mmCIF file of all heavy atoms, coordinates in Angstrom:
data_MODEL
# 
_entry.id   MODEL 
# 
loop_
_atom_site.group_PDB 
_atom_site.id 
_atom_site.type_symbol 
_atom_site.label_atom_id 
_atom_site.label_alt_id 
_atom_site.label_comp_id 
_atom_site.label_asym_id 
_atom_site.label_entity_id 
_atom_site.label_seq_id 
_atom_site.pdbx_PDB_ins_code 
_atom_site.Cartn_x 
_atom_site.Cartn_y 
_atom_site.Cartn_z 
_atom_site.occupancy 
_atom_site.B_iso_or_equiv 
_atom_site.pdbx_formal_charge 
_atom_site.auth_seq_id 
_atom_site.auth_comp_id 
_atom_site.auth_asym_id 
_atom_site.auth_atom_id 
_atom_site.pdbx_PDB_model_num 
ATOM 1   N N   . TYR A 1 1  ? -55.642 28.589 -84.229 1.00 0.00 ? 1  TYR A N   1 
ATOM 2   C CA  . TYR A 1 1  ? -56.398 29.827 -84.063 1.00 0.00 ? 1  TYR A CA  1 
ATOM 3   C C   . TYR A 1 1  ? -56.551 30.640 -85.341 1.00 0.00 ? 1  TYR A C   1 
ATOM 4   O O   . TYR A 1 1  ? -57.310 31.609 -85.380 1.00 0.00 ? 1  TYR A O   1 
ATOM 5   C CB  . TYR A 1 1  ? -55.719 30.706 -83.003 1.00 0.00 ? 1  TYR A CB  1 
ATOM 6   C CG  . TYR A 1 1  ? -55.980 30.252 -81.592 1.00 0.00 ? 1  TYR A CG  1 
ATOM 7   C CD1 . TYR A 1 1  ? -55.162 29.325 -80.966 1.00 0.00 ? 1  TYR A CD1 1 
ATOM 8   C CD2 . TYR A 1 1  ? -57.069 30.742 -80.874 1.00 0.00 ? 1  TYR A CD2 1 
ATOM 9   C CE1 . TYR A 1 1  ? -55.398 28.904 -79.665 1.00 0.00 ? 1  TYR A CE1 1 
ATOM 10  C CE2 . TYR A 1 1  ? -57.321 30.320 -79.577 1.00 0.00 ? 1  TYR A CE2 1 
ATOM 11  C CZ  . TYR A 1 1  ? -56.480 29.407 -78.984 1.00 0.00 ? 1  TYR A CZ  1 
ATOM 12  O OH  . TYR A 1 1  ? -56.732 28.979 -77.699 1.00 0.00 ? 1  TYR A OH  1 
ATOM 13  N N   . GLY A 1 2  ? -55.799 30.286 -86.382 1.00 0.00 ? 2  GLY A N   1 
ATOM 14  C CA  . GLY A 1 2  ? -55.803 31.107 -87.575 1.00 0.00 ? 2  GLY A CA  1 
ATOM 15  C C   . GLY A 1 2  ? -54.896 32.316 -87.379 1.00 0.00 ? 2  GLY A C   1 
ATOM 16  O O   . GLY A 1 2  ? -54.313 32.502 -86.310 1.00 0.00 ? 2  GLY A O   1 
ATOM 17  N N   . PRO A 1 3  ? -54.782 33.168 -88.386 1.00 0.00 ? 3  PRO A N   1 
ATOM 18  C CA  . PRO A 1 3  ? -53.883 34.319 -88.288 1.00 0.00 ? 3  PRO A CA  1 
ATOM 19  C C   . PRO A 1 3  ? -54.434 35.389 -87.348 1.00 0.00 ? 3  PRO A C   1 
ATOM 20  O O   . PRO A 1 3  ? -55.635 35.427 -87.059 1.00 0.00 ? 3  PRO A O   1 
ATOM 21  C CB  . PRO A 1 3  ? -53.821 34.829 -89.729 1.00 0.00 ? 3  PRO A CB  1 
ATOM 22  C CG  . PRO A 1 3  ? -55.126 34.396 -90.333 1.00 0.00 ? 3  PRO A CG  1 
ATOM 23  C CD  . PRO A 1 3  ? -55.447 33.078 -89.690 1.00 0.00 ? 3  PRO A CD  1 
ATOM 24  N N   . GLY A 1 4  ? -53.550 36.247 -86.868 1.00 0.00 ? 4  GLY A N   1 
ATOM 25  C CA  . GLY A 1 4  ? -53.986 37.411 -86.091 1.00 0.00 ? 4  GLY A CA  1 
ATOM 26  C C   . GLY A 1 4  ? -53.688 37.365 -84.617 1.00 0.00 ? 4  GLY A C   1 
ATOM 27  O O   . GLY A 1 4  ? -53.728 38.396 -83.942 1.00 0.00 ? 4  GLY A O   1 
ATOM 28  N N   . ARG A 1 5  ? -53.389 36.180 -84.090 1.00 0.00 ? 5  ARG A N   1 
ATOM 29  C CA  . ARG A 1 5  ? -53.152 36.082 -82.650 1.00 0.00 ? 5  ARG A CA  1 
ATOM 30  C C   . ARG A 1 5  ? -51.883 36.835 -82.241 1.00 0.00 ? 5  ARG A C   1 
ATOM 31  O O   . ARG A 1 5  ? -51.873 37.563 -81.251 1.00 0.00 ? 5  ARG A O   1 
ATOM 32  C CB  . ARG A 1 5  ? -53.061 34.616 -82.227 1.00 0.00 ? 5  ARG A CB  1 
ATOM 33  C CG  . ARG A 1 5  ? -52.938 34.423 -80.720 1.00 0.00 ? 5  ARG A CG  1 
ATOM 34  C CD  . ARG A 1 5  ? -53.092 32.964 -80.350 1.00 0.00 ? 5  ARG A CD  1 
ATOM 35  N NE  . ARG A 1 5  ? -52.761 32.733 -78.959 1.00 0.00 ? 5  ARG A NE  1 
ATOM 36  C CZ  . ARG A 1 5  ? -53.513 32.043 -78.122 1.00 0.00 ? 5  ARG A CZ  1 
ATOM 37  N NH1 . ARG A 1 5  ? -54.656 31.533 -78.521 1.00 0.00 ? 5  ARG A NH1 1 
ATOM 38  N NH2 . ARG A 1 5  ? -53.143 31.854 -76.862 1.00 0.00 ? 5  ARG A NH2 1 
ATOM 39  N N   . GLY A 1 6  ? -50.823 36.648 -82.996 1.00 0.00 ? 6  GLY A N   1 
ATOM 40  C CA  . GLY A 1 6  ? -49.581 37.357 -82.703 1.00 0.00 ? 6  GLY A CA  1 
ATOM 41  C C   . GLY A 1 6  ? -49.751 38.858 -82.821 1.00 0.00 ? 6  GLY A C   1 
ATOM 42  O O   . GLY A 1 6  ? -49.236 39.625 -81.994 1.00 0.00 ? 6  GLY A O   1 
ATOM 43  N N   . GLU A 1 7  ? -50.483 39.299 -83.838 1.00 0.00 ? 7  GLU A N   1 
ATOM 44  C CA  . GLU A 1 7  ? -50.724 40.737 -84.028 1.00 0.00 ? 7  GLU A CA  1 
ATOM 45  C C   . GLU A 1 7  ? -51.502 41.327 -82.854 1.00 0.00 ? 7  GLU A C   1 
ATOM 46  O O   . GLU A 1 7  ? -51.230 42.457 -82.412 1.00 0.00 ? 7  GLU A O   1 
ATOM 47  C CB  . GLU A 1 7  ? -51.485 40.971 -85.339 1.00 0.00 ? 7  GLU A CB  1 
ATOM 48  C CG  . GLU A 1 7  ? -50.666 40.769 -86.593 1.00 0.00 ? 7  GLU A CG  1 
ATOM 49  C CD  . GLU A 1 7  ? -50.585 39.313 -87.024 1.00 0.00 ? 7  GLU A CD  1 
ATOM 50  O OE1 . GLU A 1 7  ? -51.033 38.420 -86.255 1.00 0.00 ? 7  GLU A OE1 1 
ATOM 51  O OE2 . GLU A 1 7  ? -50.053 39.049 -88.118 1.00 0.00 ? 7  GLU A OE2 1 
ATOM 52  N N   . LEU A 1 8  ? -52.488 40.560 -82.346 1.00 0.00 ? 8  LEU A N   1 
ATOM 53  C CA  . LEU A 1 8  ? -53.270 41.026 -81.193 1.00 0.00 ? 8  LEU A CA  1 
ATOM 54  C C   . LEU A 1 8  ? -52.371 41.180 -79.965 1.00 0.00 ? 8  LEU A C   1 
ATOM 55  O O   . LEU A 1 8  ? -52.456 42.187 -79.244 1.00 0.00 ? 8  LEU A O   1 
ATOM 56  C CB  . LEU A 1 8  ? -54.406 40.042 -80.901 1.00 0.00 ? 8  LEU A CB  1 
ATOM 57  C CG  . LEU A 1 8  ? -55.234 40.328 -79.644 1.00 0.00 ? 8  LEU A CG  1 
ATOM 58  C CD1 . LEU A 1 8  ? -55.902 41.687 -79.722 1.00 0.00 ? 8  LEU A CD1 1 
ATOM 59  C CD2 . LEU A 1 8  ? -56.272 39.230 -79.416 1.00 0.00 ? 8  LEU A CD2 1 
ATOM 60  N N   . ALA A 1 9  ? -51.511 40.183 -79.723 1.00 0.00 ? 9  ALA A N   1 
ATOM 61  C CA  . ALA A 1 9  ? -50.609 40.241 -78.570 1.00 0.00 ? 9  ALA A CA  1 
ATOM 62  C C   . ALA A 1 9  ? -49.658 41.434 -78.684 1.00 0.00 ? 9  ALA A C   1 
ATOM 63  O O   . ALA A 1 9  ? -49.417 42.148 -77.697 1.00 0.00 ? 9  ALA A O   1 
ATOM 64  C CB  . ALA A 1 9  ? -49.821 38.939 -78.457 1.00 0.00 ? 9  ALA A CB  1 
ATOM 65  N N   . ILE A 1 10 ? -49.132 41.673 -79.882 1.00 0.00 ? 10 ILE A N   1 
ATOM 66  C CA  . ILE A 1 10 ? -48.203 42.795 -80.073 1.00 0.00 ? 10 ILE A CA  1 
ATOM 67  C C   . ILE A 1 10 ? -48.921 44.134 -79.917 1.00 0.00 ? 10 ILE A C   1 
ATOM 68  O O   . ILE A 1 10 ? -48.379 45.077 -79.319 1.00 0.00 ? 10 ILE A O   1 
ATOM 69  C CB  . ILE A 1 10 ? -47.519 42.688 -81.450 1.00 0.00 ? 10 ILE A CB  1 
ATOM 70  C CG1 . ILE A 1 10 ? -46.522 41.519 -81.439 1.00 0.00 ? 10 ILE A CG1 1 
ATOM 71  C CG2 . ILE A 1 10 ? -46.804 43.989 -81.814 1.00 0.00 ? 10 ILE A CG2 1 
ATOM 72  C CD1 . ILE A 1 10 ? -45.872 41.232 -82.776 1.00 0.00 ? 10 ILE A CD1 1 
ATOM 73  N N   . LEU A 1 11 ? -50.150 44.240 -80.410 1.00 0.00 ? 11 LEU A N   1 
ATOM 74  C CA  . LEU A 1 11 ? -50.921 45.474 -80.246 1.00 0.00 ? 11 LEU A CA  1 
ATOM 75  C C   . LEU A 1 11 ? -51.131 45.780 -78.768 1.00 0.00 ? 11 LEU A C   1 
ATOM 76  O O   . LEU A 1 11 ? -50.920 46.922 -78.310 1.00 0.00 ? 11 LEU A O   1 
ATOM 77  C CB  . LEU A 1 11 ? -52.271 45.356 -80.952 1.00 0.00 ? 11 LEU A CB  1 
ATOM 78  C CG  . LEU A 1 11 ? -53.265 46.509 -80.720 1.00 0.00 ? 11 LEU A CG  1 
ATOM 79  C CD1 . LEU A 1 11 ? -52.684 47.834 -81.181 1.00 0.00 ? 11 LEU A CD1 1 
ATOM 80  C CD2 . LEU A 1 11 ? -54.595 46.228 -81.429 1.00 0.00 ? 11 LEU A CD2 1 
ATOM 81  N N   . ALA A 1 12 ? -51.546 44.765 -77.994 1.00 0.00 ? 12 ALA A N   1 
ATOM 82  C CA  . ALA A 1 12 ? -51.759 44.960 -76.554 1.00 0.00 ? 12 ALA A CA  1 
ATOM 83  C C   . ALA A 1 12 ? -50.460 45.352 -75.863 1.00 0.00 ? 12 ALA A C   1 
ATOM 84  O O   . ALA A 1 12 ? -50.430 46.263 -75.026 1.00 0.00 ? 12 ALA A O   1 
ATOM 85  C CB  . ALA A 1 12 ? -52.328 43.683 -75.938 1.00 0.00 ? 12 ALA A CB  1 
ATOM 86  N N   . ALA A 1 13 ? -49.369 44.679 -76.220 1.00 0.00 ? 13 ALA A N   1 
ATOM 87  C CA  . ALA A 1 13 ? -48.073 44.972 -75.615 1.00 0.00 ? 13 ALA A CA  1 
ATOM 88  C C   . ALA A 1 13 ? -47.603 46.383 -75.961 1.00 0.00 ? 13 ALA A C   1 
ATOM 89  O O   . ALA A 1 13 ? -47.052 47.094 -75.100 1.00 0.00 ? 13 ALA A O   1 
ATOM 90  C CB  . ALA A 1 13 ? -47.034 43.949 -76.067 1.00 0.00 ? 13 ALA A CB  1 
ATOM 91  N N   . ASN A 1 14 ? -47.829 46.814 -77.203 1.00 0.00 ? 14 ASN A N   1 
ATOM 92  C CA  . ASN A 1 14 ? -47.410 48.154 -77.602 1.00 0.00 ? 14 ASN A CA  1 
ATOM 93  C C   . ASN A 1 14 ? -48.145 49.243 -76.827 1.00 0.00 ? 14 ASN A C   1 
ATOM 94  O O   . ASN A 1 14 ? -47.567 50.273 -76.461 1.00 0.00 ? 14 ASN A O   1 
ATOM 95  C CB  . ASN A 1 14 ? -47.629 48.358 -79.104 1.00 0.00 ? 14 ASN A CB  1 
ATOM 96  C CG  . ASN A 1 14 ? -46.564 47.684 -79.952 1.00 0.00 ? 14 ASN A CG  1 
ATOM 97  O OD1 . ASN A 1 14 ? -45.494 47.332 -79.456 1.00 0.00 ? 14 ASN A OD1 1 
ATOM 98  N ND2 . ASN A 1 14 ? -46.847 47.493 -81.229 1.00 0.00 ? 14 ASN A ND2 1 
ATOM 99  N N   . LEU A 1 15 ? -49.434 49.018 -76.568 1.00 0.00 ? 15 LEU A N   1 
ATOM 100 C CA  . LEU A 1 15 ? -50.199 49.986 -75.778 1.00 0.00 ? 15 LEU A CA  1 
ATOM 101 C C   . LEU A 1 15 ? -49.618 50.097 -74.369 1.00 0.00 ? 15 LEU A C   1 
ATOM 102 O O   . LEU A 1 15 ? -49.453 51.205 -73.835 1.00 0.00 ? 15 LEU A O   1 
ATOM 103 C CB  . LEU A 1 15 ? -51.671 49.564 -75.720 1.00 0.00 ? 15 LEU A CB  1 
ATOM 104 C CG  . LEU A 1 15 ? -52.455 49.661 -77.040 1.00 0.00 ? 15 LEU A CG  1 
ATOM 105 C CD1 . LEU A 1 15 ? -53.826 49.004 -76.890 1.00 0.00 ? 15 LEU A CD1 1 
ATOM 106 C CD2 . LEU A 1 15 ? -52.600 51.116 -77.459 1.00 0.00 ? 15 LEU A CD2 1 
ATOM 107 N N   . VAL A 1 16 ? -49.302 48.954 -73.769 1.00 0.00 ? 16 VAL A N   1 
ATOM 108 C CA  . VAL A 1 16 ? -48.703 48.947 -72.432 1.00 0.00 ? 16 VAL A CA  1 
ATOM 109 C C   . VAL A 1 16 ? -47.317 49.582 -72.460 1.00 0.00 ? 16 VAL A C   1 
ATOM 110 O O   . VAL A 1 16 ? -46.967 50.406 -71.611 1.00 0.00 ? 16 VAL A O   1 
ATOM 111 C CB  . VAL A 1 16 ? -48.611 47.503 -71.883 1.00 0.00 ? 16 VAL A CB  1 
ATOM 112 C CG1 . VAL A 1 16 ? -47.828 47.470 -70.576 1.00 0.00 ? 16 VAL A CG1 1 
ATOM 113 C CG2 . VAL A 1 16 ? -50.003 46.919 -71.684 1.00 0.00 ? 16 VAL A CG2 1 
ATOM 114 N N   . SER A 1 17 ? -46.514 49.209 -73.457 1.00 0.00 ? 17 SER A N   1 
ATOM 115 C CA  . SER A 1 17 ? -45.154 49.734 -73.574 1.00 0.00 ? 17 SER A CA  1 
ATOM 116 C C   . SER A 1 17 ? -45.155 51.253 -73.703 1.00 0.00 ? 17 SER A C   1 
ATOM 117 O O   . SER A 1 17 ? -44.345 51.947 -73.061 1.00 0.00 ? 17 SER A O   1 
ATOM 118 C CB  . SER A 1 17 ? -44.456 49.102 -74.783 1.00 0.00 ? 17 SER A CB  1 
ATOM 119 O OG  . SER A 1 17 ? -43.162 49.629 -74.959 1.00 0.00 ? 17 SER A OG  1 
ATOM 120 N N   . ASN A 1 18 ? -46.052 51.792 -74.520 1.00 0.00 ? 18 ASN A N   1 
ATOM 121 C CA  . ASN A 1 18 ? -46.132 53.241 -74.704 1.00 0.00 ? 18 ASN A CA  1 
ATOM 122 C C   . ASN A 1 18 ? -46.523 53.947 -73.406 1.00 0.00 ? 18 ASN A C   1 
ATOM 123 O O   . ASN A 1 18 ? -46.005 55.022 -73.090 1.00 0.00 ? 18 ASN A O   1 
ATOM 124 C CB  . ASN A 1 18 ? -47.141 53.579 -75.805 1.00 0.00 ? 18 ASN A CB  1 
ATOM 125 C CG  . ASN A 1 18 ? -46.674 53.128 -77.176 1.00 0.00 ? 18 ASN A CG  1 
ATOM 126 O OD1 . ASN A 1 18 ? -45.484 52.916 -77.389 1.00 0.00 ? 18 ASN A OD1 1 
ATOM 127 N ND2 . ASN A 1 18 ? -47.602 52.950 -78.103 1.00 0.00 ? 18 ASN A ND2 1 
ATOM 128 N N   . ASP A 1 19 ? -47.436 53.332 -72.656 1.00 0.00 ? 19 ASP A N   1 
ATOM 129 C CA  . ASP A 1 19 ? -47.847 53.906 -71.374 1.00 0.00 ? 19 ASP A CA  1 
ATOM 130 C C   . ASP A 1 19 ? -46.686 53.913 -70.385 1.00 0.00 ? 19 ASP A C   1 
ATOM 131 O O   . ASP A 1 19 ? -46.451 54.905 -69.692 1.00 0.00 ? 19 ASP A O   1 
ATOM 132 C CB  . ASP A 1 19 ? -49.030 53.121 -70.804 1.00 0.00 ? 19 ASP A CB  1 
ATOM 133 C CG  . ASP A 1 19 ? -49.476 53.632 -69.444 1.00 0.00 ? 19 ASP A CG  1 
ATOM 134 O OD1 . ASP A 1 19 ? -49.948 54.779 -69.360 1.00 0.00 ? 19 ASP A OD1 1 
ATOM 135 O OD2 . ASP A 1 19 ? -49.336 52.880 -68.459 1.00 0.00 ? 19 ASP A OD2 1 
ATOM 136 N N   . LEU A 1 20 ? -45.941 52.810 -70.331 1.00 0.00 ? 20 LEU A N   1 
ATOM 137 C CA  . LEU A 1 20 ? -44.826 52.696 -69.394 1.00 0.00 ? 20 LEU A CA  1 
ATOM 138 C C   . LEU A 1 20 ? -43.675 53.627 -69.761 1.00 0.00 ? 20 LEU A C   1 
ATOM 139 O O   . LEU A 1 20 ? -42.999 54.169 -68.877 1.00 0.00 ? 20 LEU A O   1 
ATOM 140 C CB  . LEU A 1 20 ? -44.330 51.250 -69.348 1.00 0.00 ? 20 LEU A CB  1 
ATOM 141 C CG  . LEU A 1 20 ? -45.279 50.241 -68.709 1.00 0.00 ? 20 LEU A CG  1 
ATOM 142 C CD1 . LEU A 1 20 ? -44.750 48.826 -68.892 1.00 0.00 ? 20 LEU A CD1 1 
ATOM 143 C CD2 . LEU A 1 20 ? -45.468 50.536 -67.222 1.00 0.00 ? 20 LEU A CD2 1 
ATOM 144 N N   . GLU A 1 21 ? -43.461 53.825 -71.055 1.00 0.00 ? 21 GLU A N   1 
ATOM 145 C CA  . GLU A 1 21 ? -42.354 54.690 -71.486 1.00 0.00 ? 21 GLU A CA  1 
ATOM 146 C C   . GLU A 1 21 ? -42.545 56.120 -70.984 1.00 0.00 ? 21 GLU A C   1 
ATOM 147 O O   . GLU A 1 21 ? -41.576 56.806 -70.647 1.00 0.00 ? 21 GLU A O   1 
ATOM 148 C CB  . GLU A 1 21 ? -42.256 54.677 -73.019 1.00 0.00 ? 21 GLU A CB  1 
ATOM 149 C CG  . GLU A 1 21 ? -40.975 55.297 -73.534 1.00 0.00 ? 21 GLU A CG  1 
ATOM 150 C CD  . GLU A 1 21 ? -40.793 55.110 -75.026 1.00 0.00 ? 21 GLU A CD  1 
ATOM 151 O OE1 . GLU A 1 21 ? -41.335 54.125 -75.582 1.00 0.00 ? 21 GLU A OE1 1 
ATOM 152 O OE2 . GLU A 1 21 ? -40.114 55.953 -75.634 1.00 0.00 ? 21 GLU A OE2 1 
ATOM 153 N N   . LYS A 1 22 ? -43.799 56.563 -70.906 1.00 0.00 ? 22 LYS A N   1 
ATOM 154 C CA  . LYS A 1 22 ? -44.092 57.895 -70.369 1.00 0.00 ? 22 LYS A CA  1 
ATOM 155 C C   . LYS A 1 22 ? -43.703 57.999 -68.898 1.00 0.00 ? 22 LYS A C   1 
ATOM 156 O O   . LYS A 1 22 ? -43.512 59.099 -68.372 1.00 0.00 ? 22 LYS A O   1 
ATOM 157 C CB  . LYS A 1 22 ? -45.579 58.204 -70.517 1.00 0.00 ? 22 LYS A CB  1 
ATOM 158 C CG  . LYS A 1 22 ? -46.067 58.246 -71.951 1.00 0.00 ? 22 LYS A CG  1 
ATOM 159 C CD  . LYS A 1 22 ? -47.583 58.352 -71.992 1.00 0.00 ? 22 LYS A CD  1 
ATOM 160 C CE  . LYS A 1 22 ? -48.121 58.193 -73.410 1.00 0.00 ? 22 LYS A CE  1 
ATOM 161 N NZ  . LYS A 1 22 ? -49.604 58.146 -73.436 1.00 0.00 ? 22 LYS A NZ  1 
ATOM 162 N N   . LYS A 1 23 ? -43.606 56.845 -68.232 1.00 0.00 ? 23 LYS A N   1 
ATOM 163 C CA  . LYS A 1 23 ? -43.273 56.788 -66.810 1.00 0.00 ? 23 LYS A CA  1 
ATOM 164 C C   . LYS A 1 23 ? -41.829 56.332 -66.602 1.00 0.00 ? 23 LYS A C   1 
ATOM 165 O O   . LYS A 1 23 ? -41.460 55.891 -65.523 1.00 0.00 ? 23 LYS A O   1 
ATOM 166 C CB  . LYS A 1 23 ? -44.255 55.857 -66.104 1.00 0.00 ? 23 LYS A CB  1 
ATOM 167 C CG  . LYS A 1 23 ? -45.692 56.387 -66.200 1.00 0.00 ? 23 LYS A CG  1 
ATOM 168 C CD  . LYS A 1 23 ? -46.744 55.299 -66.104 1.00 0.00 ? 23 LYS A CD  1 
ATOM 169 C CE  . LYS A 1 23 ? -48.128 55.898 -66.319 1.00 0.00 ? 23 LYS A CE  1 
ATOM 170 N NZ  . LYS A 1 23 ? -49.189 54.877 -66.348 1.00 0.00 ? 23 LYS A NZ  1 
ATOM 171 N N   . ASP A 1 24 ? -41.032 56.418 -67.675 1.00 0.00 ? 24 ASP A N   1 
ATOM 172 C CA  . ASP A 1 24 ? -39.606 56.066 -67.646 1.00 0.00 ? 24 ASP A CA  1 
ATOM 173 C C   . ASP A 1 24 ? -39.366 54.603 -67.273 1.00 0.00 ? 24 ASP A C   1 
ATOM 174 O O   . ASP A 1 24 ? -38.426 54.276 -66.549 1.00 0.00 ? 24 ASP A O   1 
ATOM 175 C CB  . ASP A 1 24 ? -38.825 56.996 -66.704 1.00 0.00 ? 24 ASP A CB  1 
ATOM 176 C CG  . ASP A 1 24 ? -38.822 58.429 -67.205 1.00 0.00 ? 24 ASP A CG  1 
ATOM 177 O OD1 . ASP A 1 24 ? -38.727 58.629 -68.424 1.00 0.00 ? 24 ASP A OD1 1 
ATOM 178 O OD2 . ASP A 1 24 ? -38.922 59.354 -66.373 1.00 0.00 ? 24 ASP A OD2 1 
ATOM 179 N N   . ILE A 1 25 ? -40.232 53.737 -67.766 1.00 0.00 ? 25 ILE A N   1 
ATOM 180 C CA  . ILE A 1 25 ? -40.081 52.290 -67.554 1.00 0.00 ? 25 ILE A CA  1 
ATOM 181 C C   . ILE A 1 25 ? -39.995 51.609 -68.915 1.00 0.00 ? 25 ILE A C   1 
ATOM 182 O O   . ILE A 1 25 ? -40.791 51.898 -69.815 1.00 0.00 ? 25 ILE A O   1 
ATOM 183 C CB  . ILE A 1 25 ? -41.267 51.708 -66.756 1.00 0.00 ? 25 ILE A CB  1 
ATOM 184 C CG1 . ILE A 1 25 ? -41.349 52.345 -65.363 1.00 0.00 ? 25 ILE A CG1 1 
ATOM 185 C CG2 . ILE A 1 25 ? -41.146 50.190 -66.636 1.00 0.00 ? 25 ILE A CG2 1 
ATOM 186 C CD1 . ILE A 1 25 ? -42.591 51.942 -64.580 1.00 0.00 ? 25 ILE A CD1 1 
ATOM 187 N N   . PHE A 1 26 ? -39.027 50.714 -69.063 1.00 0.00 ? 26 PHE A N   1 
ATOM 188 C CA  . PHE A 1 26 ? -38.868 49.946 -70.299 1.00 0.00 ? 26 PHE A CA  1 
ATOM 189 C C   . PHE A 1 26 ? -39.510 48.583 -70.117 1.00 0.00 ? 26 PHE A C   1 
ATOM 190 O O   . PHE A 1 26 ? -39.190 47.861 -69.177 1.00 0.00 ? 26 PHE A O   1 
ATOM 191 C CB  . PHE A 1 26 ? -37.386 49.797 -70.649 1.00 0.00 ? 26 PHE A CB  1 
ATOM 192 C CG  . PHE A 1 26 ? -37.116 48.904 -71.827 1.00 0.00 ? 26 PHE A CG  1 
ATOM 193 C CD1 . PHE A 1 26 ? -37.740 49.134 -73.047 1.00 0.00 ? 26 PHE A CD1 1 
ATOM 194 C CD2 . PHE A 1 26 ? -36.235 47.836 -71.730 1.00 0.00 ? 26 PHE A CD2 1 
ATOM 195 C CE1 . PHE A 1 26 ? -37.499 48.308 -74.146 1.00 0.00 ? 26 PHE A CE1 1 
ATOM 196 C CE2 . PHE A 1 26 ? -35.980 47.013 -72.820 1.00 0.00 ? 26 PHE A CE2 1 
ATOM 197 C CZ  . PHE A 1 26 ? -36.612 47.251 -74.031 1.00 0.00 ? 26 PHE A CZ  1 
ATOM 198 N N   . LEU A 1 27 ? -40.418 48.227 -71.014 1.00 0.00 ? 27 LEU A N   1 
ATOM 199 C CA  . LEU A 1 27 ? -41.044 46.898 -71.009 1.00 0.00 ? 27 LEU A CA  1 
ATOM 200 C C   . LEU A 1 27 ? -40.143 45.958 -71.804 1.00 0.00 ? 27 LEU A C   1 
ATOM 201 O O   . LEU A 1 27 ? -40.092 46.024 -73.028 1.00 0.00 ? 27 LEU A O   1 
ATOM 202 C CB  . LEU A 1 27 ? -42.442 46.961 -71.623 1.00 0.00 ? 27 LEU A CB  1 
ATOM 203 C CG  . LEU A 1 27 ? -43.211 45.637 -71.679 1.00 0.00 ? 27 LEU A CG  1 
ATOM 204 C CD1 . LEU A 1 27 ? -43.501 45.109 -70.273 1.00 0.00 ? 27 LEU A CD1 1 
ATOM 205 C CD2 . LEU A 1 27 ? -44.517 45.805 -72.460 1.00 0.00 ? 27 LEU A CD2 1 
ATOM 206 N N   . VAL A 1 28 ? -39.443 45.079 -71.108 1.00 0.00 ? 28 VAL A N   1 
ATOM 207 C CA  . VAL A 1 28 ? -38.515 44.150 -71.758 1.00 0.00 ? 28 VAL A CA  1 
ATOM 208 C C   . VAL A 1 28 ? -39.302 43.067 -72.495 1.00 0.00 ? 28 VAL A C   1 
ATOM 209 O O   . VAL A 1 28 ? -39.052 42.763 -73.658 1.00 0.00 ? 28 VAL A O   1 
ATOM 210 C CB  . VAL A 1 28 ? -37.570 43.507 -70.722 1.00 0.00 ? 28 VAL A CB  1 
ATOM 211 C CG1 . VAL A 1 28 ? -36.621 42.521 -71.386 1.00 0.00 ? 28 VAL A CG1 1 
ATOM 212 C CG2 . VAL A 1 28 ? -36.785 44.582 -69.986 1.00 0.00 ? 28 VAL A CG2 1 
# 
């Protein structure tokens, strides 16, 4: 796939993680 796939996955996960943290949920 070339570079960037891992960065895309982490960006998406960080957005979800930040949303969940506001709701007192930890994304493991």
